[in-house]
Protein backbone atom coordinates (compact mmCIF):
# COMPACT_ATOMS: atom_id res chain seq x y z
CA MET A 1 14.45 7.78 -8.30
CA GLN A 2 15.50 11.40 -8.35
CA THR A 3 13.01 13.95 -6.68
CA ASP A 4 12.12 17.44 -7.61
CA GLY A 5 10.47 19.99 -6.06
CA GLY A 6 8.21 16.92 -3.53
CA LEU A 7 6.93 15.21 -6.97
CA GLY A 8 9.76 12.90 -8.11
CA ASP A 9 10.65 11.94 -11.26
CA LEU A 10 6.83 10.85 -12.25
CA ASP A 11 8.01 9.62 -15.60
CA GLY A 12 9.13 6.29 -13.97
CA LEU A 13 6.30 5.87 -11.90
CA GLY A 14 4.49 3.47 -14.51
CA GLU A 15 7.64 1.14 -13.79
CA LEU A 16 7.62 1.22 -10.11
CA ALA A 17 6.43 -2.40 -8.97
CA PRO A 18 3.66 -2.29 -6.19
CA GLY A 19 5.94 -2.52 -2.73
CA ALA A 20 7.55 -0.61 -0.22
CA ARG A 21 9.40 1.99 -3.01
CA LEU A 22 6.43 2.75 -4.75
CA ALA A 23 4.21 3.38 -1.60
CA ALA A 24 7.05 5.55 -0.28
CA VAL A 25 6.92 7.29 -3.51
CA LEU A 26 3.63 7.98 -3.64
CA ASP A 27 3.34 9.08 0.23
CA THR A 28 5.54 12.28 -0.54
CA LEU A 29 3.90 13.22 -3.25
CA VAL A 30 1.78 16.56 -3.27
CA PHE A 31 -1.13 15.57 -5.28
CA ASP A 32 -2.50 19.01 -5.67
CA ALA A 33 0.92 19.67 -7.48
CA VAL A 34 0.59 16.72 -10.09
CA PRO A 35 0.47 18.19 -13.73
CA ALA A 36 -2.03 17.41 -15.26
CA GLU A 37 -0.59 14.96 -17.99
CA SER A 38 0.74 12.93 -15.31
CA SER A 39 -2.48 12.49 -13.41
CA VAL A 40 -3.22 9.36 -15.24
CA ASP A 41 0.21 8.06 -14.35
CA VAL A 42 0.03 8.74 -10.37
CA LEU A 43 -3.72 7.12 -10.45
CA GLN A 44 -2.36 3.99 -12.04
CA ALA A 45 0.15 3.76 -9.68
CA CYS A 46 -1.80 4.11 -6.74
CA TYR A 47 -4.39 1.29 -7.79
CA ARG A 48 -1.39 -1.34 -8.18
CA GLN A 49 -0.51 -0.15 -4.83
CA LEU A 50 -4.00 -0.65 -3.51
CA ALA A 51 -4.39 -3.93 -4.88
CA HIS A 52 -0.84 -4.84 -3.64
CA ASP A 53 -2.11 -3.81 -0.46
CA GLN A 54 -5.30 -5.68 -0.51
CA ALA A 55 -3.62 -8.47 -1.44
CA LEU A 56 -1.78 -8.66 1.56
CA LEU A 57 -4.77 -7.59 3.55
CA PHE A 58 -6.93 -10.95 2.21
CA ALA A 59 -3.85 -13.04 2.56
CA SER A 60 -4.07 -11.91 5.97
CA LEU A 61 -7.91 -12.99 6.13
CA ARG A 62 -7.35 -16.33 4.76
CA ARG A 63 -4.37 -17.14 7.47
CA VAL A 64 -6.90 -15.76 10.00
CA SER A 65 -9.79 -17.80 8.99
CA GLN A 66 -7.52 -21.00 8.66
CA CYS A 67 -7.08 -20.98 12.62
CA THR A 68 -9.28 -22.21 15.09
CA PRO A 69 -8.86 -20.38 18.79
CA SER A 70 -7.50 -23.07 20.08
CA ASP A 71 -4.61 -22.93 17.36
CA ASP A 72 -1.56 -20.44 18.53
CA CYS A 73 -2.14 -18.52 15.88
CA GLY A 74 -2.52 -15.36 18.13
CA VAL A 75 -5.96 -14.72 16.68
CA ILE A 76 -7.35 -13.60 20.23
CA GLU A 77 -4.47 -11.60 20.98
CA GLY A 78 -4.34 -10.08 17.45
CA PHE A 79 -8.21 -8.92 17.95
CA ALA A 80 -7.68 -7.64 21.72
CA ARG A 81 -4.78 -5.60 20.33
CA ALA A 82 -7.20 -4.15 17.55
CA ALA A 83 -9.69 -3.76 20.15
CA GLY A 84 -7.52 -1.61 22.54
CA CYS A 85 -7.65 -4.05 25.10
């Protein structure tokens, strides 16, 4: 994807699959500088990326829900890290 003043090639935004590449493109966008005619494409791309991220989160939650504290899943250690302990 070519960049042009931080906006990137917004015409190709709709063709990018969700994942690391789309996240990187969206991370570089200056939303206030997006032309009005491209705002729907940007919104759709943001939604695709959000759904992708949520799917990863739900898959992780499912995996954690299958663990018991006695399993070697790292659940207790993960909770401790999340709590800043």
